Amino acid sequence: MDFINQNLPYILAGISVGGQYALIAIGYTMVYGILRLINFAHGDLFMAAGLIMIYLTASLPLYIAIPLDLIIIAVLGFLIERVAYKPLRNAPRMSIMISAIGVSYLLQNVALYVTGGLAKTYPTIPWISNSVTIFGATTKVVTLVTPVLTLILVVALVLLINNTKIGMAMRAVSRDFETSQLMGIKINTVISVTFIIGSLLAAVGSMLYFTNYTAVTPISGSMPGLKCFVAAVFGGIGSIPGAVIGAFLIGICENIIKGLGWTTFSDAFTFALLIVILIAKPTGLFGEKSTDKV
């Protein structure tokens, strides 16, 4: 009990960061589930959402800037898929991965050009930026909002996948790409919708994340992006509940490590966890074993 009381601010921060990681990790796991592609540019989309929000709020009121930011990131995610990945659909998987890395560096360099490499301060979003005290621990309202909003969005996404026509098409494509094409499923539409949903979730995650960590730089998406990839692998890449559980676990553990005074090792823990998972259970907690067809 003493441990919980002493580390309550770090546990709360961990739950909050875990929720933000979860929203990004879902994008990784959805794209991999359908295309068998690790979209390395996904973390940079998250960074781009933060920068675009800063520039929009400089000249527009928040109630216009927030939905406009979401729309721009959804369109950007759609364009990345159409321009960088669609032409390589039948190319070797390594070619698509190299393209993803190229898009990642392109986004970082565009951000570097626009910002001049200087850190930009994220705007204050009313209410969620306010401070609140819980059991003697002071934190921001965003810390409490994040896990609730994350769970609502995850439930909505699962309902979409399980109960709609496009969701059924997504499940079919993730099971068998070629057969789905033969059955008349519009593959391009399914993939575009997947990228748009993943990009929207990353944009929401960026709003929550940068409310806590207000400095946005061209490489702000790199480390969160890698951690979210680890969360997706930990849960079983392709599994949405697995990605969410992995993200919350990583967020809580890394913040408790900071609370114990081992801040230097908080990032190392995430990648050590990845090594352990790949050795002990390569498919992750909820991943399915792939079966080779003869």
Protein backbone atom coordinates (compact mmCIF):
# COMPACT_ATOMS: atom_id res chain seq x y z
CA MET A 1 0.00 0.00 0.00
CA ASP A 2 2.87 2.36 0.81
CA PHE A 3 4.37 1.60 -2.59
CA ILE A 4 1.11 2.63 -4.31
CA ASN A 5 0.79 5.84 -2.26
CA GLN A 6 4.39 6.83 -2.95
CA ASN A 7 4.17 6.08 -6.67
CA LEU A 8 0.55 7.14 -7.33
CA PRO A 9 1.52 10.13 -9.54
CA TYR A 10 3.71 7.81 -11.65
CA ILE A 11 1.02 5.10 -11.84
CA LEU A 12 -1.55 7.70 -12.96
CA ALA A 13 0.92 9.10 -15.52
CA GLY A 14 1.62 5.54 -16.69
CA ILE A 15 -2.07 4.80 -17.24
CA SER A 16 -2.40 8.07 -19.15
CA VAL A 17 0.67 7.48 -21.36
CA GLY A 18 -0.42 3.85 -21.83
CA GLY A 19 -3.73 5.07 -23.26
CA GLN A 20 -1.92 7.44 -25.61
CA TYR A 21 0.43 4.65 -26.72
CA ALA A 22 -2.59 2.38 -27.24
CA LEU A 23 -4.15 4.77 -29.75
CA ILE A 24 -0.93 4.77 -31.78
CA ALA A 25 -0.28 1.02 -31.39
CA ILE A 26 -3.73 0.22 -32.84
CA GLY A 27 -2.62 1.87 -36.11
CA TYR A 28 0.45 -0.38 -36.29
CA THR A 29 -1.51 -3.52 -35.52
CA MET A 30 -4.39 -2.78 -37.95
CA VAL A 31 -2.07 -2.07 -40.88
CA TYR A 32 0.02 -5.15 -40.12
CA GLY A 33 -3.11 -7.31 -39.76
CA ILE A 34 -4.23 -6.43 -43.28
CA LEU A 35 -1.06 -5.64 -45.27
CA ARG A 36 1.57 -7.51 -43.19
CA LEU A 37 3.42 -4.18 -43.23
CA ILE A 38 5.11 -2.39 -40.32
CA ASN A 39 4.20 1.22 -41.10
CA PHE A 40 7.32 2.93 -39.73
CA ALA A 41 5.91 6.33 -40.73
CA HIS A 42 3.06 5.99 -38.21
CA GLY A 43 4.98 7.60 -35.34
CA ASP A 44 5.84 10.54 -37.59
CA LEU A 45 2.15 11.01 -38.45
CA PHE A 46 1.63 11.38 -34.69
CA MET A 47 4.36 14.07 -34.63
CA ALA A 48 2.86 15.78 -37.70
CA ALA A 49 -0.53 15.93 -35.96
CA GLY A 50 1.13 17.80 -33.09
CA LEU A 51 2.89 20.32 -35.35
CA ILE A 52 -0.17 20.91 -37.55
CA MET A 53 -2.23 21.58 -34.42
CA ILE A 54 0.31 24.22 -33.29
CA TYR A 55 0.15 26.05 -36.63
CA LEU A 56 -3.65 25.80 -36.90
CA THR A 57 -4.26 27.22 -33.42
CA ALA A 58 -2.00 30.19 -34.27
CA SER A 59 -4.72 31.53 -36.57
CA LEU A 60 -7.90 29.55 -35.84
CA PRO A 61 -10.05 28.98 -32.73
CA LEU A 62 -9.69 25.56 -31.07
CA TYR A 63 -13.19 24.35 -32.02
CA ILE A 64 -12.17 24.65 -35.69
CA ALA A 65 -8.47 23.69 -35.30
CA ILE A 66 -9.13 20.33 -33.56
CA PRO A 67 -11.49 18.79 -36.19
CA LEU A 68 -9.38 20.31 -39.00
CA ASP A 69 -6.24 18.69 -37.54
CA LEU A 70 -8.00 15.30 -37.48
CA ILE A 71 -9.15 15.72 -41.10
CA ILE A 72 -5.68 16.76 -42.34
CA ILE A 73 -3.99 13.78 -40.64
CA ALA A 74 -6.63 11.36 -41.98
CA VAL A 75 -6.03 12.72 -45.52
CA LEU A 76 -2.24 12.54 -45.01
CA GLY A 77 -2.52 8.89 -43.90
CA PHE A 78 -4.66 8.15 -46.96
CA LEU A 79 -2.17 9.86 -49.32
CA ILE A 80 0.82 8.04 -47.79
CA GLU A 81 -0.89 4.71 -48.45
CA ARG A 82 -1.87 5.63 -52.01
CA VAL A 83 1.47 7.19 -53.03
CA ALA A 84 4.08 5.17 -51.10
CA TYR A 85 2.50 1.73 -50.49
CA LYS A 86 -0.15 1.02 -53.13
CA PRO A 87 2.30 0.97 -56.11
CA LEU A 88 4.37 -1.61 -54.19
CA ARG A 89 1.45 -3.90 -53.34
CA ASN A 90 2.90 -6.81 -55.34
CA ALA A 91 6.54 -5.98 -54.65
CA PRO A 92 8.68 -7.95 -52.16
CA ARG A 93 7.86 -7.09 -48.54
CA MET A 94 11.32 -5.59 -48.03
CA SER A 95 10.58 -2.97 -50.73
CA ILE A 96 7.44 -1.79 -48.88
CA MET A 97 9.36 -1.66 -45.59
CA ILE A 98 12.08 0.49 -47.18
CA SER A 99 9.35 2.75 -48.60
CA ALA A 100 7.85 3.08 -45.08
CA ILE A 101 11.24 4.09 -43.66
CA GLY A 102 11.60 6.60 -46.53
CA VAL A 103 8.21 8.16 -45.73
CA SER A 104 9.22 8.38 -42.06
CA TYR A 105 12.39 10.34 -42.90
CA LEU A 106 10.50 12.48 -45.42
CA LEU A 107 7.99 13.58 -42.75
CA GLN A 108 10.80 14.26 -40.27
CA ASN A 109 12.73 16.36 -42.80
CA VAL A 110 9.67 18.35 -43.87
CA ALA A 111 9.01 19.06 -40.17
CA LEU A 112 12.69 20.03 -39.75
CA TYR A 113 12.41 22.46 -42.68
CA VAL A 114 9.15 23.99 -41.41
CA THR A 115 10.23 24.39 -37.78
CA GLY A 116 13.92 25.07 -38.35
CA GLY A 117 14.63 22.26 -35.90
CA LEU A 118 13.31 24.32 -32.97
CA ALA A 119 10.93 22.84 -30.40
CA LYS A 120 7.42 24.26 -30.73
CA THR A 121 5.10 24.64 -27.73
CA TYR A 122 1.80 22.78 -27.97
CA PRO A 123 -1.29 24.96 -27.36
CA THR A 124 -3.18 24.72 -24.08
CA ILE A 125 -6.47 22.89 -24.57
CA PRO A 126 -9.06 24.16 -22.05
CA TRP A 127 -10.23 21.82 -19.30
CA ILE A 128 -8.00 18.81 -20.08
CA SER A 129 -4.90 20.96 -19.37
CA ASN A 130 -6.23 21.89 -15.90
CA SER A 131 -4.64 20.41 -12.78
CA VAL A 132 -6.56 18.10 -10.43
CA THR A 133 -5.67 16.40 -7.13
CA ILE A 134 -6.37 12.68 -6.60
CA PHE A 135 -5.57 11.08 -3.23
CA GLY A 136 -2.96 13.78 -2.62
CA ALA A 137 -1.34 13.39 -6.07
CA THR A 138 -1.54 16.39 -8.42
CA THR A 139 -1.97 15.66 -12.10
CA LYS A 140 -3.70 17.05 -15.20
CA VAL A 141 -7.30 16.27 -16.16
CA VAL A 142 -5.91 14.68 -19.37
CA THR A 143 -4.46 11.88 -17.19
CA LEU A 144 -7.99 10.89 -16.17
CA VAL A 145 -9.58 11.53 -19.57
CA THR A 146 -7.06 9.47 -21.59
CA PRO A 147 -7.85 5.91 -20.36
CA VAL A 148 -11.62 6.55 -20.53
CA LEU A 149 -11.43 8.03 -24.04
CA THR A 150 -9.06 5.24 -25.17
CA LEU A 151 -11.45 2.52 -23.97
CA ILE A 152 -14.43 4.26 -25.64
CA LEU A 153 -12.55 4.50 -28.96
CA VAL A 154 -11.33 0.88 -28.73
CA VAL A 155 -14.87 -0.41 -28.01
CA ALA A 156 -16.20 1.69 -30.93
CA LEU A 157 -13.49 0.28 -33.21
CA VAL A 158 -14.17 -3.32 -32.18
CA LEU A 159 -17.91 -2.77 -32.79
CA LEU A 160 -17.09 -1.29 -36.20
CA ILE A 161 -14.93 -4.29 -37.12
CA ASN A 162 -17.42 -6.88 -35.84
CA ASN A 163 -20.73 -5.35 -36.92
CA THR A 164 -20.29 -3.40 -40.16
CA LYS A 165 -19.76 -4.32 -43.80
CA ILE A 166 -16.37 -2.58 -43.99
CA GLY A 167 -15.38 -4.27 -40.72
CA MET A 168 -16.30 -7.66 -42.15
CA ALA A 169 -14.22 -6.84 -45.24
CA MET A 170 -11.26 -5.90 -42.99
CA ARG A 171 -11.48 -9.23 -41.18
CA ALA A 172 -11.70 -11.12 -44.46
CA VAL A 173 -8.68 -9.31 -45.95
CA SER A 174 -6.62 -9.87 -42.79
CA ARG A 175 -7.41 -13.62 -43.02
CA ASP A 176 -6.73 -14.12 -46.72
CA PHE A 177 -5.76 -11.26 -49.01
CA GLU A 178 -5.95 -13.12 -52.34
CA THR A 179 -9.23 -14.95 -51.65
CA SER A 180 -10.85 -11.68 -50.52
CA GLN A 181 -9.95 -10.14 -53.87
CA LEU A 182 -11.48 -13.11 -55.71
CA MET A 183 -14.66 -12.75 -53.62
CA GLY A 184 -15.14 -9.19 -54.93
CA ILE A 185 -13.99 -7.25 -51.85
CA LYS A 186 -12.62 -3.83 -52.81
CA ILE A 187 -9.14 -4.26 -51.39
CA ASN A 188 -8.04 -0.66 -52.04
CA THR A 189 -11.04 0.74 -50.16
CA VAL A 190 -10.45 -1.56 -47.17
CA ILE A 191 -6.76 -0.62 -46.98
CA SER A 192 -7.52 3.11 -47.31
CA VAL A 193 -10.13 2.94 -44.52
CA THR A 194 -7.60 1.09 -42.33
CA PHE A 195 -5.00 3.82 -42.83
CA ILE A 196 -7.57 6.58 -42.22
CA ILE A 197 -8.75 5.00 -38.94
CA GLY A 198 -5.17 4.44 -37.77
CA SER A 199 -4.23 8.04 -38.64
CA LEU A 200 -7.27 9.46 -36.82
CA LEU A 201 -6.44 7.48 -33.68
CA ALA A 202 -2.80 8.68 -33.87
CA ALA A 203 -4.05 12.29 -34.16
CA VAL A 204 -6.27 11.89 -31.07
CA GLY A 205 -3.33 10.26 -29.25
CA SER A 206 -1.10 13.22 -30.18
CA MET A 207 -3.56 15.73 -28.69
CA LEU A 208 -3.59 13.84 -25.41
CA TYR A 209 0.18 13.19 -25.40
CA PHE A 210 1.31 16.74 -26.21
CA THR A 211 -1.06 18.18 -23.63
CA ASN A 212 1.27 16.51 -21.10
CA TYR A 213 4.59 16.79 -23.00
CA THR A 214 4.19 20.20 -24.62
CA ALA A 215 7.41 20.44 -26.66
CA VAL A 216 7.00 19.19 -30.25
CA THR A 217 10.12 18.60 -32.37
CA PRO A 218 10.62 16.84 -35.75
CA ILE A 219 11.72 13.67 -33.92
CA SER A 220 8.96 13.75 -31.27
CA GLY A 221 7.24 10.79 -32.93
CA SER A 222 10.28 8.50 -33.15
CA MET A 223 10.49 7.12 -29.60
CA PRO A 224 6.70 6.94 -28.95
CA GLY A 225 6.36 5.29 -32.38
CA LEU A 226 8.95 2.61 -31.51
CA LYS A 227 7.37 2.01 -28.09
CA CYS A 228 3.95 1.61 -29.68
CA PHE A 229 5.41 -0.86 -32.16
CA VAL A 230 6.80 -2.83 -29.17
CA ALA A 231 3.34 -2.65 -27.53
CA ALA A 232 1.76 -4.06 -30.71
CA VAL A 233 4.34 -6.89 -30.85
CA PHE A 234 3.93 -7.58 -27.13
CA GLY A 235 0.15 -7.96 -27.45
CA GLY A 236 0.43 -9.97 -30.66
CA ILE A 237 0.69 -7.81 -33.75
CA GLY A 238 -2.64 -7.94 -35.57
CA SER A 239 -4.61 -8.09 -32.29
CA ILE A 240 -6.29 -4.82 -31.24
CA PRO A 241 -6.95 -5.87 -27.59
CA GLY A 242 -3.36 -7.14 -27.43
CA ALA A 243 -1.99 -3.77 -28.63
CA VAL A 244 -4.06 -1.92 -26.02
CA ILE A 245 -2.96 -4.18 -23.14
CA GLY A 246 0.69 -4.02 -24.29
CA ALA A 247 0.55 -0.20 -24.49
CA PHE A 248 -0.92 0.19 -20.99
CA LEU A 249 1.65 -2.23 -19.55
CA ILE A 250 4.57 -0.37 -21.16
CA GLY A 251 3.21 3.04 -20.10
CA ILE A 252 2.73 2.00 -16.46
CA CYS A 253 6.06 0.15 -16.18
CA GLU A 254 8.16 2.91 -17.71
CA ASN A 255 6.62 5.53 -15.39
CA ILE A 256 7.10 3.36 -12.29
CA ILE A 257 10.76 2.94 -13.32
CA LYS A 258 11.00 6.75 -13.47
CA GLY A 259 9.38 6.92 -10.02
CA LEU A 260 12.04 4.59 -8.63
CA GLY A 261 14.70 7.02 -9.86
CA TRP A 262 15.87 4.92 -12.83
CA THR A 263 14.76 7.39 -15.52
CA THR A 264 17.82 6.55 -17.64
CA PHE A 265 16.59 2.96 -18.03
CA SER A 266 12.89 3.69 -18.73
CA ASP A 267 13.34 3.50 -22.52
CA ALA A 268 15.73 0.55 -22.28
CA PHE A 269 13.04 -1.42 -20.39
CA THR A 270 10.69 -1.22 -23.39
CA PHE A 271 13.23 -2.72 -25.79
CA ALA A 272 14.41 -5.30 -23.26
CA LEU A 273 10.75 -6.37 -23.01
CA LEU A 274 10.64 -6.71 -26.81
CA ILE A 275 13.66 -9.06 -26.76
CA VAL A 276 12.15 -11.18 -23.95
CA ILE A 277 8.78 -11.44 -25.76
CA LEU A 278 10.37 -12.39 -29.09
CA ILE A 279 12.38 -15.13 -27.35
CA ALA A 280 9.61 -16.45 -25.08
CA LYS A 281 6.51 -15.97 -27.28
CA PRO A 282 7.29 -14.67 -30.77
CA THR A 283 3.60 -14.27 -31.66
CA GLY A 284 2.92 -12.07 -28.61
CA LEU A 285 0.27 -12.52 -25.92
CA PHE A 286 -2.74 -12.73 -28.25
CA GLY A 287 -1.04 -13.41 -31.58
CA GLU A 288 -2.09 -16.34 -33.69
CA LYS A 289 0.41 -18.86 -34.99
CA SER A 290 0.70 -18.56 -38.73
CA THR A 291 -0.06 -21.73 -40.65
CA ASP A 292 1.64 -22.33 -43.96
CA LYS A 293 -0.72 -23.44 -46.75
CA VAL A 294 0.39 -26.37 -48.83
